[in-house]
């Protein structure tokens, strides 16, 4: 499982958000720690087996199709006066 930013969540890849209940429980844990998960169904106690940091692959940002057409253009009334 990887703890990631809220905009990088991908449950199919086991990437959970750091603001999720599980992410918050594990954020400062190290191997051997026992943490409490405050879940909607009640408390669960977990033992952390191992913690390591690694780079995870993410898809590069791409603007959605049509985004360039919706870019704001300056209104003529807001153009600088040349004269």
PDB file of N, CA and C in Angstrom:
ATOM      1  N   UNK A   1       0.849  -1.164   0.000  1.00  0.00           N
ATOM      2  CA  UNK A   1       0.000   0.000   0.000  1.00  0.00           C
ATOM      3  C   UNK A   1       0.899   1.232   0.000  1.00  0.00           C
ATOM      4  N   UNK A   2       0.472   2.251  -0.727  1.00  0.00           N
ATOM      5  CA  UNK A   2       1.197   3.517  -0.772  1.00  0.00           C
ATOM      6  C   UNK A   2       0.277   4.623  -0.290  1.00  0.00           C
ATOM      7  N   UNK A   3       0.820   5.526   0.496  1.00  0.00           N
ATOM      8  CA  UNK A   3       0.070   6.694   0.959  1.00  0.00           C
ATOM      9  C   UNK A   3       0.443   7.845   0.042  1.00  0.00           C
ATOM     10  N   UNK A   4      -0.569   8.437  -0.584  1.00  0.00           N
ATOM     11  CA  UNK A   4      -0.349   9.468  -1.601  1.00  0.00           C
ATOM     12  C   UNK A   4      -1.232  10.682  -1.322  1.00  0.00           C
ATOM     13  N   UNK A   5      -1.054  11.721  -2.123  1.00  0.00           N
ATOM     14  CA  UNK A   5      -1.901  12.899  -2.037  1.00  0.00           C
ATOM     15  C   UNK A   5      -3.323  12.588  -2.448  1.00  0.00           C
ATOM     16  N   UNK A   6      -4.249  13.434  -2.050  1.00  0.00           N
ATOM     17  CA  UNK A   6      -5.671  13.187  -2.301  1.00  0.00           C
ATOM     18  C   UNK A   6      -5.993  13.086  -3.789  1.00  0.00           C
ATOM     19  N   UNK A   7      -5.238  13.759  -4.642  1.00  0.00           N
ATOM     20  CA  UNK A   7      -5.511  13.710  -6.075  1.00  0.00           C
ATOM     21  C   UNK A   7      -4.803  12.549  -6.775  1.00  0.00           C
ATOM     22  N   UNK A   8      -4.095  11.712  -6.022  1.00  0.00           N
ATOM     23  CA  UNK A   8      -3.371  10.579  -6.602  1.00  0.00           C
ATOM     24  C   UNK A   8      -3.931   9.225  -6.173  1.00  0.00           C
ATOM     25  N   UNK A   9      -5.065   9.238  -5.510  1.00  0.00           N
ATOM     26  CA  UNK A   9      -5.675   8.000  -5.016  1.00  0.00           C
ATOM     27  C   UNK A   9      -6.000   7.078  -6.195  1.00  0.00           C
ATOM     28  N   UNK A  10      -5.632   5.827  -6.051  1.00  0.00           N
ATOM     29  CA  UNK A  10      -5.931   4.811  -7.056  1.00  0.00           C
ATOM     30  C   UNK A  10      -6.049   3.486  -6.318  1.00  0.00           C
ATOM     31  N   UNK A  11      -7.262   3.122  -5.957  1.00  0.00           N
ATOM     32  CA  UNK A  11      -7.467   1.918  -5.151  1.00  0.00           C
ATOM     33  C   UNK A  11      -7.069   0.649  -5.892  1.00  0.00           C
ATOM     34  N   UNK A  12      -7.103   0.679  -7.225  1.00  0.00           N
ATOM     35  CA  UNK A  12      -6.655  -0.486  -7.993  1.00  0.00           C
ATOM     36  C   UNK A  12      -5.156  -0.733  -7.824  1.00  0.00           C
ATOM     37  N   UNK A  13      -4.402   0.311  -7.496  1.00  0.00           N
ATOM     38  CA  UNK A  13      -2.955   0.187  -7.282  1.00  0.00           C
ATOM     39  C   UNK A  13      -2.602   0.239  -5.791  1.00  0.00           C
ATOM     40  N   UNK A  14      -3.608   0.201  -4.930  1.00  0.00           N
ATOM     41  CA  UNK A  14      -3.427   0.294  -3.475  1.00  0.00           C
ATOM     42  C   UNK A  14      -2.785   1.610  -3.056  1.00  0.00           C
ATOM     43  N   UNK A  15      -3.160   2.703  -3.715  1.00  0.00           N
ATOM     44  CA  UNK A  15      -2.715   4.040  -3.351  1.00  0.00           C
ATOM     45  C   UNK A  15      -3.850   4.698  -2.580  1.00  0.00           C
ATOM     46  N   UNK A  16      -3.627   4.948  -1.296  1.00  0.00           N
ATOM     47  CA  UNK A  16      -4.664   5.567  -0.469  1.00  0.00           C
ATOM     48  C   UNK A  16      -4.237   6.982  -0.101  1.00  0.00           C
ATOM     49  N   UNK A  17      -5.196   7.807   0.189  1.00  0.00           N
ATOM     50  CA  UNK A  17      -4.937   9.205   0.534  1.00  0.00           C
ATOM     51  C   UNK A  17      -4.405   9.335   1.956  1.00  0.00           C
ATOM     52  N   UNK A  18      -3.517  10.306   2.137  1.00  0.00           N
ATOM     53  CA  UNK A  18      -2.987  10.574   3.475  1.00  0.00           C
ATOM     54  C   UNK A  18      -4.072  11.139   4.389  1.00  0.00           C
ATOM     55  N   UNK A  19      -5.187  11.625   3.838  1.00  0.00           N
ATOM     56  CA  UNK A  19      -6.269  12.159   4.674  1.00  0.00           C
ATOM     57  C   UNK A  19      -7.331  11.111   4.981  1.00  0.00           C
ATOM     58  N   UNK A  20      -7.187   9.906   4.439  1.00  0.00           N
ATOM     59  CA  UNK A  20      -8.131   8.835   4.758  1.00  0.00           C
ATOM     60  C   UNK A  20      -7.883   8.349   6.188  1.00  0.00           C
ATOM     61  N   UNK A  21      -8.851   7.699   6.803  1.00  0.00           N
ATOM     62  CA  UNK A  21      -8.621   7.196   8.167  1.00  0.00           C
ATOM     63  C   UNK A  21      -7.395   6.284   8.267  1.00  0.00           C
ATOM     64  N   UNK A  22      -7.209   5.399   7.302  1.00  0.00           N
ATOM     65  CA  UNK A  22      -6.053   4.504   7.338  1.00  0.00           C
ATOM     66  C   UNK A  22      -4.758   5.277   7.089  1.00  0.00           C
ATOM     67  N   UNK A  23      -4.773   6.181   6.120  1.00  0.00           N
ATOM     68  CA  UNK A  23      -3.586   6.996   5.843  1.00  0.00           C
ATOM     69  C   UNK A  23      -3.168   7.810   7.050  1.00  0.00           C
ATOM     70  N   UNK A  24      -4.131   8.431   7.740  1.00  0.00           N
ATOM     71  CA  UNK A  24      -3.813   9.219   8.937  1.00  0.00           C
ATOM     72  C   UNK A  24      -3.250   8.345  10.050  1.00  0.00           C
ATOM     73  N   UNK A  25      -3.769   7.137  10.188  1.00  0.00           N
ATOM     74  CA  UNK A  25      -3.281   6.236  11.236  1.00  0.00           C
ATOM     75  C   UNK A  25      -1.838   5.823  10.976  1.00  0.00           C
ATOM     76  N   UNK A  26      -1.461   5.714   9.721  1.00  0.00           N
ATOM     77  CA  UNK A  26      -0.138   5.202   9.373  1.00  0.00           C
ATOM     78  C   UNK A  26       0.918   6.267   9.109  1.00  0.00           C
ATOM     79  N   UNK A  27       0.540   7.518   9.001  1.00  0.00           N
ATOM     80  CA  UNK A  27       1.460   8.571   8.542  1.00  0.00           C
ATOM     81  C   UNK A  27       2.786   8.632   9.296  1.00  0.00           C
ATOM     82  N   UNK A  28       2.797   8.543  10.571  1.00  0.00           N
ATOM     83  CA  UNK A  28       4.050   8.697  11.334  1.00  0.00           C
ATOM     84  C   UNK A  28       4.519   7.379  11.940  1.00  0.00           C
ATOM     85  N   UNK A  29       3.949   6.291  11.479  1.00  0.00           N
ATOM     86  CA  UNK A  29       4.286   4.988  12.044  1.00  0.00           C
ATOM     87  C   UNK A  29       5.593   4.462  11.457  1.00  0.00           C
ATOM     88  N   UNK A  30       6.257   3.624  12.218  1.00  0.00           N
ATOM     89  CA  UNK A  30       7.450   2.926  11.754  1.00  0.00           C
ATOM     90  C   UNK A  30       7.244   1.435  11.999  1.00  0.00           C
ATOM     91  N   UNK A  31       8.122   0.625  11.431  1.00  0.00           N
ATOM     92  CA  UNK A  31       8.010  -0.816  11.594  1.00  0.00           C
ATOM     93  C   UNK A  31       7.960  -1.212  13.064  1.00  0.00           C
ATOM     94  N   UNK A  32       7.023  -2.059  13.407  1.00  0.00           N
ATOM     95  CA  UNK A  32       6.854  -2.510  14.783  1.00  0.00           C
ATOM     96  C   UNK A  32       5.843  -1.712  15.585  1.00  0.00           C
ATOM     97  N   UNK A  33       5.461  -0.528  15.088  1.00  0.00           N
ATOM     98  CA  UNK A  33       4.463   0.291  15.793  1.00  0.00           C
ATOM     99  C   UNK A  33       3.093  -0.373  15.738  1.00  0.00           C
ATOM    100  N   UNK A  34       2.331  -0.128  16.779  1.00  0.00           N
ATOM    101  CA  UNK A  34       0.931  -0.544  16.810  1.00  0.00           C
ATOM    102  C   UNK A  34       0.112   0.729  16.734  1.00  0.00           C
ATOM    103  N   UNK A  35      -0.782   0.816  15.738  1.00  0.00           N
ATOM    104  CA  UNK A  35      -1.570   2.027  15.531  1.00  0.00           C
ATOM    105  C   UNK A  35      -3.056   1.709  15.662  1.00  0.00           C
ATOM    106  N   UNK A  36      -3.827   2.746  15.924  1.00  0.00           N
ATOM    107  CA  UNK A  36      -5.281   2.603  16.055  1.00  0.00           C
ATOM    108  C   UNK A  36      -5.927   3.210  14.816  1.00  0.00           C
ATOM    109  N   UNK A  37      -6.726   2.416  14.143  1.00  0.00           N
ATOM    110  CA  UNK A  37      -7.495   2.889  12.999  1.00  0.00           C
ATOM    111  C   UNK A  37      -8.892   3.221  13.483  1.00  0.00           C
ATOM    112  N   UNK A  38      -9.244   4.500  13.414  1.00  0.00           N
ATOM    113  CA  UNK A  38     -10.592   4.951  13.787  1.00  0.00           C
ATOM    114  C   UNK A  38     -11.460   4.885  12.537  1.00  0.00           C
ATOM    115  N   UNK A  39     -12.093   3.772  12.302  1.00  0.00           N
ATOM    116  CA  UNK A  39     -12.926   3.574  11.118  1.00  0.00           C
ATOM    117  C   UNK A  39     -14.397   3.759  11.480  1.00  0.00           C
ATOM    118  N   UNK A  40     -15.239   3.978  10.466  1.00  0.00           N
ATOM    119  CA  UNK A  40     -16.678   4.128  10.744  1.00  0.00           C
ATOM    120  C   UNK A  40     -17.260   2.948  11.521  1.00  0.00           C
ATOM    121  N   UNK A  41     -16.704   1.756  11.337  1.00  0.00           N
ATOM    122  CA  UNK A  41     -17.206   0.578  12.037  1.00  0.00           C
ATOM    123  C   UNK A  41     -16.633   0.409  13.433  1.00  0.00           C
ATOM    124  N   UNK A  42     -15.758   1.302  13.859  1.00  0.00           N
ATOM    125  CA  UNK A  42     -15.148   1.223  15.184  1.00  0.00           C
ATOM    126  C   UNK A  42     -13.634   1.194  15.111  1.00  0.00           C
ATOM    127  N   UNK A  43     -13.015   0.974  16.251  1.00  0.00           N
ATOM    128  CA  UNK A  43     -11.554   0.962  16.338  1.00  0.00           C
ATOM    129  C   UNK A  43     -11.005  -0.391  15.910  1.00  0.00           C
ATOM    130  N   UNK A  44      -9.898  -0.328  15.191  1.00  0.00           N
ATOM    131  CA  UNK A  44      -9.158  -1.525  14.829  1.00  0.00           C
ATOM    132  C   UNK A  44      -7.696  -1.262  15.152  1.00  0.00           C
ATOM    133  N   UNK A  45      -7.019  -2.225  15.727  1.00  0.00           N
ATOM    134  CA  UNK A  45      -5.605  -2.073  16.059  1.00  0.00           C
ATOM    135  C   UNK A  45      -4.774  -2.790  15.007  1.00  0.00           C
ATOM    136  N   UNK A  46      -3.781  -2.094  14.488  1.00  0.00           N
ATOM    137  CA  UNK A  46      -2.927  -2.632  13.433  1.00  0.00           C
ATOM    138  C   UNK A  46      -1.477  -2.618  13.887  1.00  0.00           C
ATOM    139  N   UNK A  47      -0.711  -3.602  13.472  1.00  0.00           N
ATOM    140  CA  UNK A  47       0.723  -3.612  13.716  1.00  0.00           C
ATOM    141  C   UNK A  47       1.420  -3.365  12.386  1.00  0.00           C
ATOM    142  N   UNK A  48       2.277  -2.354  12.361  1.00  0.00           N
ATOM    143  CA  UNK A  48       3.009  -1.997  11.149  1.00  0.00           C
ATOM    144  C   UNK A  48       4.197  -2.942  11.017  1.00  0.00           C
ATOM    145  N   UNK A  49       4.277  -3.647   9.918  1.00  0.00           N
ATOM    146  CA  UNK A  49       5.353  -4.601   9.708  1.00  0.00           C
ATOM    147  C   UNK A  49       6.607  -3.935   9.149  1.00  0.00           C
ATOM    148  N   UNK A  50       6.423  -3.042   8.186  1.00  0.00           N
ATOM    149  CA  UNK A  50       7.565  -2.438   7.510  1.00  0.00           C
ATOM    150  C   UNK A  50       7.137  -1.113   6.901  1.00  0.00           C
ATOM    151  N   UNK A  51       8.040  -0.154   6.882  1.00  0.00           N
ATOM    152  CA  UNK A  51       7.805   1.126   6.227  1.00  0.00           C
ATOM    153  C   UNK A  51       9.006   1.412   5.342  1.00  0.00           C
ATOM    154  N   UNK A  52       8.749   1.753   4.108  1.00  0.00           N
ATOM    155  CA  UNK A  52       9.841   2.175   3.239  1.00  0.00           C
ATOM    156  C   UNK A  52       9.297   3.203   2.259  1.00  0.00           C
ATOM    157  N   UNK A  53      10.194   3.994   1.751  1.00  0.00           N
ATOM    158  CA  UNK A  53       9.843   5.066   0.834  1.00  0.00           C
ATOM    159  C   UNK A  53      10.369   4.710  -0.542  1.00  0.00           C
ATOM    160  N   UNK A  54       9.512   4.828  -1.524  1.00  0.00           N
ATOM    161  CA  UNK A  54       9.940   4.582  -2.891  1.00  0.00           C
ATOM    162  C   UNK A  54       9.181   5.485  -3.832  1.00  0.00           C
ATOM    163  N   UNK A  55       9.799   5.763  -4.927  1.00  0.00           N
ATOM    164  CA  UNK A  55       9.166   6.567  -5.961  1.00  0.00           C
ATOM    165  C   UNK A  55       8.097   5.707  -6.639  1.00  0.00           C
ATOM    166  N   UNK A  56       6.910   6.266  -6.824  1.00  0.00           N
ATOM    167  CA  UNK A  56       5.858   5.536  -7.515  1.00  0.00           C
ATOM    168  C   UNK A  56       5.624   6.202  -8.864  1.00  0.00           C
ATOM    169  N   UNK A  57       5.301   5.400  -9.840  1.00  0.00           N
ATOM    170  CA  UNK A  57       5.069   5.963 -11.170  1.00  0.00           C
ATOM    171  C   UNK A  57       3.674   6.559 -11.222  1.00  0.00           C
ATOM    172  N   UNK A  58       3.593   7.714 -11.810  1.00  0.00           N
ATOM    173  CA  UNK A  58       2.303   8.381 -12.018  1.00  0.00           C
ATOM    174  C   UNK A  58       2.237   8.824 -13.467  1.00  0.00           C
ATOM    175  N   UNK A  59       1.046   8.882 -13.973  1.00  0.00           N
ATOM    176  CA  UNK A  59       0.854   9.355 -15.335  1.00  0.00           C
ATOM    177  C   UNK A  59       1.170  10.844 -15.394  1.00  0.00           C
ATOM    178  N   UNK A  60       1.894  11.294 -16.424  1.00  0.00           N
ATOM    179  CA  UNK A  60       2.166  12.731 -16.538  1.00  0.00           C
ATOM    180  C   UNK A  60       0.868  13.505 -16.760  1.00  0.00           C
ATOM    181  N   UNK A  61       0.850  14.735 -16.271  1.00  0.00           N
ATOM    182  CA  UNK A  61      -0.340  15.574 -16.411  1.00  0.00           C
ATOM    183  C   UNK A  61      -0.592  15.874 -17.878  1.00  0.00           C
ATOM    184  N   UNK A  62      -1.840  15.755 -18.276  1.00  0.00           N
ATOM    185  CA  UNK A  62      -2.264  16.137 -19.619  1.00  0.00           C
ATOM    186  C   UNK A  62      -3.540  16.944 -19.487  1.00  0.00           C
ATOM    187  N   UNK A  63      -3.587  18.062 -20.214  1.00  0.00           N
ATOM    188  CA  UNK A  63      -4.808  18.859 -20.175  1.00  0.00           C
ATOM    189  C   UNK A  63      -5.943  18.060 -20.797  1.00  0.00           C
ATOM    190  N   UNK A  64      -7.137  18.158 -20.220  1.00  0.00           N
ATOM    191  CA  UNK A  64      -8.288  17.453 -20.802  1.00  0.00           C
ATOM    192  C   UNK A  64      -8.557  17.962 -22.216  1.00  0.00           C
ATOM    193  N   UNK A  65      -9.108  17.098 -23.060  1.00  0.00           N
ATOM    194  CA  UNK A  65      -9.451  17.509 -24.421  1.00  0.00           C
ATOM    195  C   UNK A  65     -10.398  18.696 -24.388  1.00  0.00           C
ATOM    196  N   UNK A  66     -10.130  19.679 -25.209  1.00  0.00           N
ATOM    197  CA  UNK A  66     -10.974  20.866 -25.283  1.00  0.00           C
ATOM    198  C   UNK A  66     -10.602  21.943 -24.285  1.00  0.00           C
ATOM    199  N   UNK A  67      -9.623  21.691 -23.420  1.00  0.00           N
ATOM    200  CA  UNK A  67      -9.265  22.686 -22.400  1.00  0.00           C
ATOM    201  C   UNK A  67      -8.701  23.947 -23.028  1.00  0.00           C
ATOM    202  N   UNK A  68      -7.945  23.786 -24.124  1.00  0.00           N
ATOM    203  CA  UNK A  68      -7.363  24.969 -24.750  1.00  0.00           C
ATOM    204  C   UNK A  68      -8.437  25.865 -25.357  1.00  0.00           C
ATOM    205  N   UNK A  69      -9.571  25.293 -25.771  1.00  0.00           N
ATOM    206  CA  UNK A  69     -10.657  26.082 -26.334  1.00  0.00           C
ATOM    207  C   UNK A  69     -11.397  26.862 -25.263  1.00  0.00           C
ATOM    208  N   UNK A  70     -11.352  26.379 -24.020  1.00  0.00           N
ATOM    209  CA  UNK A  70     -12.087  27.055 -22.955  1.00  0.00           C
ATOM    210  C   UNK A  70     -11.218  28.036 -22.173  1.00  0.00           C
ATOM    211  N   UNK A  71      -9.955  28.194 -22.583  1.00  0.00           N
ATOM    212  CA  UNK A  71      -9.068  29.129 -21.879  1.00  0.00           C
ATOM    213  C   UNK A  71      -9.642  30.532 -21.982  1.00  0.00           C
ATOM    214  N   UNK A  72      -9.571  31.260 -20.888  1.00  0.00           N
ATOM    215  CA  UNK A  72     -10.120  32.615 -20.879  1.00  0.00           C
ATOM    216  C   UNK A  72      -9.285  33.528 -21.757  1.00  0.00           C
ATOM    217  N   UNK A  73      -9.982  34.316 -22.543  1.00  0.00           N
ATOM    218  CA  UNK A  73      -9.301  35.312 -23.357  1.00  0.00           C
ATOM    219  C   UNK A  73      -9.576  36.670 -22.727  1.00  0.00           C
ATOM    220  N   UNK A  74      -8.602  37.570 -22.750  1.00  0.00           N
ATOM    221  CA  UNK A  74      -8.835  38.887 -22.151  1.00  0.00           C
ATOM    222  C   UNK A  74      -9.980  39.615 -22.859  1.00  0.00           C
ATOM    223  N   UNK A  75     -10.798  40.237 -22.071  1.00  0.00           N
ATOM    224  CA  UNK A  75     -11.914  41.021 -22.600  1.00  0.00           C
ATOM    225  C   UNK A  75     -11.343  42.287 -23.222  1.00  0.00           C
ATOM    226  N   UNK A  76     -11.869  42.728 -24.402  1.00  0.00           N
ATOM    227  CA  UNK A  76     -11.322  43.936 -25.057  1.00  0.00           C
ATOM    228  C   UNK A  76     -11.321  45.158 -24.149  1.00  0.00           C
ATOM    229  N   UNK A  77     -12.246  45.249 -23.240  1.00  0.00           N
ATOM    230  CA  UNK A  77     -12.285  46.413 -22.348  1.00  0.00           C
ATOM    231  C   UNK A  77     -11.128  46.408 -21.355  1.00  0.00           C
ATOM    232  N   UNK A  78     -10.485  45.249 -21.182  1.00  0.00           N
ATOM    233  CA  UNK A  78      -9.370  45.143 -20.236  1.00  0.00           C
ATOM    234  C   UNK A  78      -8.013  45.220 -20.930  1.00  0.00           C
ATOM    235  N   UNK A  79      -7.997  45.534 -22.222  1.00  0.00           N
ATOM    236  CA  UNK A  79      -6.733  45.662 -22.951  1.00  0.00           C
ATOM    237  C   UNK A  79      -6.041  46.950 -22.543  1.00  0.00           C
ATOM    238  N   UNK A  80      -4.708  46.939 -22.439  1.00  0.00           N
ATOM    239  CA  UNK A  80      -4.006  48.186 -22.121  1.00  0.00           C
ATOM    240  C   UNK A  80      -4.203  49.212 -23.225  1.00  0.00           C
ATOM    241  N   UNK A  81      -4.300  50.454 -22.839  1.00  0.00           N
ATOM    242  CA  UNK A  81      -4.504  51.541 -23.788  1.00  0.00           C
ATOM    243  C   UNK A  81      -3.164  51.975 -24.341  1.00  0.00           C
ATOM    244  N   UNK A  82      -2.997  51.889 -25.666  1.00  0.00           N
ATOM    245  CA  UNK A  82      -1.730  52.255 -26.301  1.00  0.00           C
ATOM    246  C   UNK A  82      -1.662  53.743 -26.579  1.00  0.00           C
ATOM    247  N   UNK A  83      -2.700  54.459 -26.373  1.00  0.00           N
ATOM    248  CA  UNK A  83      -2.636  55.802 -26.866  1.00  0.00           C
ATOM    249  C   UNK A  83      -2.882  56.873 -25.938  1.00  0.00           C
TER     250      UNK A  83
END
